[in-house]
Amino acid sequence: MRVTSEPSGSATIVMLHGDSLDAGNVADFKREMAPLIEGSVKMVMDLSAVQFVDSSGLGGILSCLRQISGQGGALVLCSMTKPVRTLFELVRMHRIFDIVNTREEALKLIA
């Protein structure tokens, strides 16, 4: 799992590159996210490339939310594929995370 980021105003947009976030790559995901979380309290996570998330991947994203919230920040998820969105709804994570359809909506929400 490769992660890239770009600043957008006071927020950081994080793009996940890879078709799955699972037990096999969640450690890499957390390692790449750590410096980004330390440097930003407003984050948008673009999940448009991710087709599959397992419980470990979900835990990794939840860990990011906890760390950012602990700093008084906010995390908004956007551009989820249908299978990933279905998973979030199935396990009721859509009640915990702010989820929107586009980056633009995410940036408006987080501003």
C-alpha atoms as a PDB file:
ATOM      1  CA  MET A   1       0.000   0.000   0.000  1.00  0.00           C
ATOM      2  CA  ARG A   2       1.481   3.286  -1.122  1.00  0.00           C
ATOM      3  CA  VAL A   3       0.218   6.559   0.309  1.00  0.00           C
ATOM      4  CA  THR A   4       0.692  10.011  -1.206  1.00  0.00           C
ATOM      5  CA  SER A   5      -0.406  13.361   0.152  1.00  0.00           C
ATOM      6  CA  GLU A   6      -0.943  16.902  -1.020  1.00  0.00           C
ATOM      7  CA  PRO A   7      -1.843  20.042   0.877  1.00  0.00           C
ATOM      8  CA  SER A   8      -5.143  21.758   0.169  1.00  0.00           C
ATOM      9  CA  GLY A   9      -5.608  24.904   2.208  1.00  0.00           C
ATOM     10  CA  SER A  10      -5.470  23.955   5.882  1.00  0.00           C
ATOM     11  CA  ALA A  11      -6.130  20.271   5.130  1.00  0.00           C
ATOM     12  CA  THR A  12      -4.044  17.401   3.837  1.00  0.00           C
ATOM     13  CA  ILE A  13      -5.473  15.133   1.145  1.00  0.00           C
ATOM     14  CA  VAL A  14      -4.204  11.576   1.443  1.00  0.00           C
ATOM     15  CA  MET A  15      -4.552   9.203  -1.511  1.00  0.00           C
ATOM     16  CA  LEU A  16      -4.291   5.451  -1.026  1.00  0.00           C
ATOM     17  CA  HIS A  17      -2.719   3.611  -3.973  1.00  0.00           C
ATOM     18  CA  GLY A  18      -3.471  -0.080  -4.071  1.00  0.00           C
ATOM     19  CA  ASP A  19      -6.541  -2.157  -4.623  1.00  0.00           C
ATOM     20  CA  SER A  20      -6.750  -3.545  -1.094  1.00  0.00           C
ATOM     21  CA  LEU A  21      -6.090  -2.519   2.483  1.00  0.00           C
ATOM     22  CA  ASP A  22      -5.764  -5.726   4.445  1.00  0.00           C
ATOM     23  CA  ALA A  23      -3.688  -7.709   6.932  1.00  0.00           C
ATOM     24  CA  GLY A  24      -0.921  -8.046   4.349  1.00  0.00           C
ATOM     25  CA  ASN A  25      -0.277  -4.316   3.969  1.00  0.00           C
ATOM     26  CA  VAL A  26      -1.857  -2.535   6.931  1.00  0.00           C
ATOM     27  CA  ALA A  27       1.520  -2.248   8.713  1.00  0.00           C
ATOM     28  CA  ASP A  28       2.913  -0.387   5.683  1.00  0.00           C
ATOM     29  CA  PHE A  29      -0.198   1.815   5.641  1.00  0.00           C
ATOM     30  CA  LYS A  30       0.189   2.742   9.324  1.00  0.00           C
ATOM     31  CA  ARG A  31       3.918   3.429   8.894  1.00  0.00           C
ATOM     32  CA  GLU A  32       3.283   5.741   5.941  1.00  0.00           C
ATOM     33  CA  MET A  33       0.388   7.491   7.682  1.00  0.00           C
ATOM     34  CA  ALA A  34       2.231   8.217  10.962  1.00  0.00           C
ATOM     35  CA  PRO A  35       4.212  11.293   9.775  1.00  0.00           C
ATOM     36  CA  LEU A  36       1.191  12.633   7.873  1.00  0.00           C
ATOM     37  CA  ILE A  37      -0.998  12.436  10.967  1.00  0.00           C
ATOM     38  CA  GLU A  38       1.611  14.204  13.084  1.00  0.00           C
ATOM     39  CA  GLY A  39       1.752  17.044  10.573  1.00  0.00           C
ATOM     40  CA  SER A  40      -1.960  17.559  10.009  1.00  0.00           C
ATOM     41  CA  VAL A  41      -5.096  17.934  12.086  1.00  0.00           C
ATOM     42  CA  LYS A  42      -7.464  18.177   9.100  1.00  0.00           C
ATOM     43  CA  MET A  43      -7.243  15.224   6.765  1.00  0.00           C
ATOM     44  CA  VAL A  44      -9.211  13.981   3.770  1.00  0.00           C
ATOM     45  CA  MET A  45      -8.606  10.329   2.867  1.00  0.00           C
ATOM     46  CA  ASP A  46      -9.383   9.510  -0.773  1.00  0.00           C
ATOM     47  CA  LEU A  47     -10.251   5.816  -1.098  1.00  0.00           C
ATOM     48  CA  SER A  48     -11.104   5.801  -4.815  1.00  0.00           C
ATOM     49  CA  ALA A  49      -8.416   3.227  -5.712  1.00  0.00           C
ATOM     50  CA  VAL A  50      -9.273   0.784  -2.918  1.00  0.00           C
ATOM     51  CA  GLN A  51     -11.548  -2.101  -3.904  1.00  0.00           C
ATOM     52  CA  PHE A  52     -11.265  -4.227  -0.742  1.00  0.00           C
ATOM     53  CA  VAL A  53     -10.813  -3.571   2.976  1.00  0.00           C
ATOM     54  CA  ASP A  54     -10.694  -6.336   5.590  1.00  0.00           C
ATOM     55  CA  SER A  55     -10.989  -6.005   9.362  1.00  0.00           C
ATOM     56  CA  SER A  56      -7.277  -5.197   9.713  1.00  0.00           C
ATOM     57  CA  GLY A  57      -7.550  -2.433   7.130  1.00  0.00           C
ATOM     58  CA  LEU A  58     -10.641  -1.072   8.820  1.00  0.00           C
ATOM     59  CA  GLY A  59      -8.723  -1.079  12.092  1.00  0.00           C
ATOM     60  CA  GLY A  60      -5.893   0.845  10.434  1.00  0.00           C
ATOM     61  CA  ILE A  61      -8.255   3.575   9.226  1.00  0.00           C
ATOM     62  CA  LEU A  62      -9.937   3.657  12.638  1.00  0.00           C
ATOM     63  CA  SER A  63      -6.511   4.074  14.251  1.00  0.00           C
ATOM     64  CA  CYS A  64      -5.904   7.125  12.040  1.00  0.00           C
ATOM     65  CA  LEU A  65      -9.244   8.590  13.148  1.00  0.00           C
ATOM     66  CA  ARG A  66      -8.382   8.084  16.820  1.00  0.00           C
ATOM     67  CA  GLN A  67      -4.971   9.717  16.463  1.00  0.00           C
ATOM     68  CA  ILE A  68      -6.292  12.708  14.525  1.00  0.00           C
ATOM     69  CA  SER A  69      -9.256  13.150  16.880  1.00  0.00           C
ATOM     70  CA  GLY A  70      -6.861  12.963  19.826  1.00  0.00           C
ATOM     71  CA  GLN A  71      -5.090  16.027  18.406  1.00  0.00           C
ATOM     72  CA  GLY A  72      -8.395  17.865  18.099  1.00  0.00           C
ATOM     73  CA  GLY A  73      -8.547  17.302  14.359  1.00  0.00           C
ATOM     74  CA  ALA A  74     -10.908  15.785  11.842  1.00  0.00           C
ATOM     75  CA  LEU A  75     -10.754  13.007   9.261  1.00  0.00           C
ATOM     76  CA  VAL A  76     -13.155  12.808   6.330  1.00  0.00           C
ATOM     77  CA  LEU A  77     -13.268   9.804   3.987  1.00  0.00           C
ATOM     78  CA  CYS A  78     -14.203  10.349   0.359  1.00  0.00           C
ATOM     79  CA  SER A  79     -14.550   8.692  -3.032  1.00  0.00           C
ATOM     80  CA  MET A  80     -15.231   5.211  -1.675  1.00  0.00           C
ATOM     81  CA  THR A  81     -15.822   2.433  -4.149  1.00  0.00           C
ATOM     82  CA  LYS A  82     -19.106   0.572  -3.832  1.00  0.00           C
ATOM     83  CA  PRO A  83     -17.619  -2.550  -2.146  1.00  0.00           C
ATOM     84  CA  VAL A  84     -15.779  -0.465   0.445  1.00  0.00           C
ATOM     85  CA  ARG A  85     -18.810   1.726   1.128  1.00  0.00           C
ATOM     86  CA  THR A  86     -20.935  -1.414   1.558  1.00  0.00           C
ATOM     87  CA  LEU A  87     -18.467  -2.776   4.121  1.00  0.00           C
ATOM     88  CA  PHE A  88     -18.493   0.479   6.103  1.00  0.00           C
ATOM     89  CA  GLU A  89     -22.288   0.426   6.177  1.00  0.00           C
ATOM     90  CA  LEU A  90     -22.453  -3.287   7.025  1.00  0.00           C
ATOM     91  CA  VAL A  91     -20.269  -2.840  10.115  1.00  0.00           C
ATOM     92  CA  ARG A  92     -21.879   0.531  10.882  1.00  0.00           C
ATOM     93  CA  MET A  93     -18.631   2.486  10.526  1.00  0.00           C
ATOM     94  CA  HIS A  94     -20.536   5.075   8.472  1.00  0.00           C
ATOM     95  CA  ARG A  95     -21.874   6.251  11.853  1.00  0.00           C
ATOM     96  CA  ILE A  96     -18.356   6.862  13.172  1.00  0.00           C
ATOM     97  CA  PHE A  97     -16.648   8.341  10.118  1.00  0.00           C
ATOM     98  CA  ASP A  98     -17.609  11.380   8.077  1.00  0.00           C
ATOM     99  CA  ILE A  99     -18.003   9.937   4.568  1.00  0.00           C
ATOM    100  CA  VAL A 100     -18.722  11.993   1.456  1.00  0.00           C
ATOM    101  CA  ASN A 101     -18.679  11.300  -2.278  1.00  0.00           C
ATOM    102  CA  THR A 102     -16.036  13.768  -3.530  1.00  0.00           C
ATOM    103  CA  ARG A 103     -12.888  15.547  -2.415  1.00  0.00           C
ATOM    104  CA  GLU A 104     -14.647  18.879  -2.877  1.00  0.00           C
ATOM    105  CA  GLU A 105     -17.410  17.864  -0.452  1.00  0.00           C
ATOM    106  CA  ALA A 106     -14.788  16.633   1.997  1.00  0.00           C
ATOM    107  CA  LEU A 107     -12.857  19.897   1.875  1.00  0.00           C
ATOM    108  CA  LYS A 108     -16.041  21.909   2.449  1.00  0.00           C
ATOM    109  CA  LEU A 109     -16.972  19.700   5.404  1.00  0.00           C
ATOM    110  CA  ILE A 110     -13.549  19.898   7.002  1.00  0.00           C
ATOM    111  CA  ALA A 111     -12.992  23.656   6.471  1.00  0.00           C
END
